[in-house]
Protein backbone atom coordinates (compact mmCIF):
# COMPACT_ATOMS: atom_id res chain seq x y z
CA VAL A 1 0.11 0.24 0.01
CA GLN A 2 1.48 3.32 -0.82
CA LEU A 3 1.62 5.96 1.64
CA LYS A 4 -1.02 8.24 -0.03
CA ASP A 5 -3.53 5.61 -0.25
CA GLN A 6 -3.10 4.67 3.63
CA MET A 7 -6.09 5.78 6.03
CA LEU A 8 -5.92 7.81 8.85
CA PHE A 9 -8.54 8.17 11.14
CA CYS A 10 -9.40 11.55 12.95
CA ASP A 11 -9.04 11.22 17.12
CA GLY A 12 -11.73 13.63 17.17
CA CYS A 13 -14.51 12.62 14.89
CA ASP A 14 -13.62 9.02 13.97
CA LYS A 15 -13.78 9.89 10.16
CA GLY A 16 -11.34 8.26 7.99
CA TYR A 17 -9.34 9.80 5.39
CA HIS A 18 -6.81 8.62 2.73
CA MET A 19 -3.61 10.90 3.20
CA SER A 20 -3.90 12.14 -0.10
CA CYS A 21 -7.87 12.81 -0.01
CA HIS A 22 -7.47 14.97 3.14
CA ASN A 23 -7.62 18.75 2.65
CA PRO A 24 -4.94 19.57 2.94
CA SER A 25 -3.00 16.49 1.84
CA ILE A 26 -1.05 14.66 4.49
CA ILE A 27 2.56 14.30 3.26
CA LYS A 28 4.05 12.47 6.16
CA LYS A 29 2.11 9.76 8.09
CA PRO A 30 1.77 11.34 11.52
CA SER A 31 2.63 9.45 14.68
CA GLY A 32 0.67 9.35 17.88
CA THR A 33 -2.91 11.40 17.75
CA TRP A 34 -4.28 13.07 14.62
CA GLU A 35 -7.27 15.41 14.07
CA CYS A 36 -8.63 16.35 10.69
CA SER A 37 -8.67 19.92 9.74
CA GLU A 38 -12.40 20.24 10.62
CA CYS A 39 -11.54 19.06 14.13
CA ARG A 40 -8.52 21.31 14.40
CA LEU A 41 -10.76 24.41 13.33
CA GLU A 42 -13.33 23.59 15.75
CA ASN A 43 -10.93 23.00 18.58
CA LEU A 44 -9.42 26.51 17.66
CA SER A 45 -13.10 27.89 18.11
CA LEU A 46 -13.75 26.04 21.26
CA GLN A 47 -10.21 27.35 22.63
CA ARG A 48 -11.05 30.90 21.71
CA THR A 49 -14.28 30.43 23.45
CA GLU A 50 -12.68 29.08 26.69
CA PHE A 51 -10.10 31.95 26.44
CA MET A 52 -12.69 34.85 26.36
CA SER A 53 -14.71 32.94 29.14
CA ARG A 54 -11.73 33.39 31.30
CA GLN A 55 -11.39 36.99 30.24
CA GLY A 56 -14.86 37.64 30.97
CA THR A 57 -15.69 38.91 27.58
CA HIS A 58 -17.48 35.91 26.28
CA HIS A 59 -21.28 36.46 25.32
CA THR A 60 -23.67 33.75 24.90
CA VAL A 61 -26.16 33.82 22.06
CA SER A 62 -28.93 31.11 22.27
CA HIS A 63 -30.19 29.92 18.67
CA GLU A 64 -33.74 31.11 19.88
CA SER A 65 -32.66 34.50 20.61
CA ALA A 66 -30.53 35.19 17.57
CA PRO A 67 -31.87 36.68 14.42
CA PRO A 68 -31.40 34.15 11.50
CA THR A 69 -28.80 34.93 8.94
CA PRO A 70 -30.58 36.80 6.16
CA ALA A 71 -30.97 34.63 3.03
CA GLU A 72 -31.36 37.83 1.10
CA SER A 73 -27.59 38.23 0.63
CA PRO A 74 -26.65 38.78 -2.83
CA VAL A 75 -25.65 36.15 -4.96
CA PRO A 76 -22.21 36.20 -6.33
CA THR A 77 -22.19 36.66 -9.99
CA ASN A 78 -18.40 36.36 -10.52
CA LEU A 79 -18.30 32.95 -11.99
CA ALA A 80 -20.97 33.55 -14.39
CA SER A 81 -19.18 37.03 -15.65
CA GLY A 82 -15.80 35.17 -16.22
CA ASP A 83 -14.33 37.83 -13.61
CA LEU A 84 -12.57 35.21 -11.15
CA HIS A 85 -8.82 36.01 -10.65
CA LEU A 86 -7.16 33.49 -8.50
CA PRO A 87 -3.81 34.71 -6.91
CA THR A 88 -1.28 31.88 -6.39
CA LYS A 89 -0.75 32.06 -2.69
CA PRO A 90 -3.34 33.81 -0.48
CA TYR A 91 -1.84 34.03 2.98
CA TYR A 92 -0.62 30.18 2.58
CA LEU A 93 1.91 29.30 5.21
CA GLY A 94 3.01 26.16 3.59
CA GLU A 95 2.77 22.79 5.16
CA GLY A 96 -1.02 22.78 5.01
CA LYS A 97 -1.07 25.92 7.53
CA TYR A 98 -3.27 29.04 6.95
CA PRO A 99 -3.02 32.23 9.44
CA ASP A 100 -5.20 32.07 12.73
CA ALA A 101 -8.25 33.67 11.73
CA SER A 102 -9.77 33.70 15.41
CA GLY A 103 -8.57 37.59 16.09
CA TRP A 104 -9.37 38.85 12.63
CA SER A 105 -11.69 41.86 12.19
CA VAL A 106 -14.51 41.93 9.43
CA ASN A 107 -12.12 43.81 7.28
CA ASP A 108 -9.56 41.22 7.67
CA VAL A 109 -11.69 38.42 6.75
CA VAL A 110 -12.89 40.49 3.74
CA GLU A 111 -9.18 41.18 2.78
CA TYR A 112 -8.34 37.55 2.75
CA LEU A 113 -11.27 36.35 0.74
CA THR A 114 -10.46 39.09 -1.85
CA SER A 115 -6.81 37.89 -2.07
CA ALA A 116 -7.94 34.46 -2.73
CA GLY A 117 -9.91 35.91 -5.58
CA PHE A 118 -13.55 35.82 -3.94
CA LYS A 119 -14.33 39.25 -4.31
CA GLU A 120 -18.18 39.00 -4.69
CA GLU A 121 -18.19 36.50 -1.64
CA ALA A 122 -16.23 38.83 0.34
CA LYS A 123 -18.93 41.54 -0.11
CA VAL A 124 -21.60 38.93 1.22
CA PHE A 125 -19.17 38.32 4.56
CA ARG A 126 -18.73 42.17 4.84
CA ASP A 127 -22.44 42.56 4.68
CA GLN A 128 -23.16 40.07 7.48
CA GLU A 129 -20.40 41.50 9.64
CA ILE A 130 -18.52 38.01 9.93
CA ASP A 131 -15.26 38.30 11.74
CA GLY A 132 -12.67 35.89 12.40
CA VAL A 133 -14.56 34.26 15.19
CA ALA A 134 -17.98 34.21 13.32
CA LEU A 135 -15.89 32.65 10.09
CA LEU A 136 -14.21 29.94 12.48
CA LEU A 137 -17.81 28.92 14.01
CA LEU A 138 -19.51 28.92 10.18
CA LYS A 139 -21.01 25.51 9.24
CA ARG A 140 -21.20 24.43 5.65
CA THR A 141 -24.98 24.69 6.10
CA ASP A 142 -24.47 28.49 7.12
CA VAL A 143 -22.74 29.30 4.12
CA LEU A 144 -25.09 27.34 1.97
CA LYS A 145 -28.30 28.45 3.36
CA GLY A 146 -27.66 31.33 5.52
CA LEU A 147 -25.29 33.17 3.07
CA ASN A 148 -26.68 31.84 0.03
CA LEU A 149 -23.08 31.12 -1.55
CA LYS A 150 -22.26 27.95 -3.45
CA LEU A 151 -19.13 25.85 -2.60
CA GLY A 152 -18.57 24.32 -5.94
CA PRO A 153 -19.94 21.55 -7.65
CA ALA A 154 -21.39 18.88 -6.03
């Protein structure tokens, strides 16, 4: 069995991934415990929440009291108009690492998305005032339904 075809199982969610299929791809087989990128992102959010709780700046919002994310956000048209320009490296730090967005402002999130070639999508994130913490807490369904964005061909 080639290294890229070996399965890794996440210690956080028990999902299995081929090393080459995980995003980002795993080049070297990890030793000891391993978490998939989703669980690592979730743990970052949890650590941020715990930190904010210790600092006394954590605000709890229940799903019942929070207003829904408007589905009336503008639908990106850049794919249809052919206006998509992707730079080669948007803030990519190498080895599957991206910057920690937990302290980002709304403008930082917009700048990052714009630098990655998602200018129209960045406008939606600005309209919804999504900062770094909110970005880390977004789930796939939030993006698809709440922000009315498409994540690619299914």
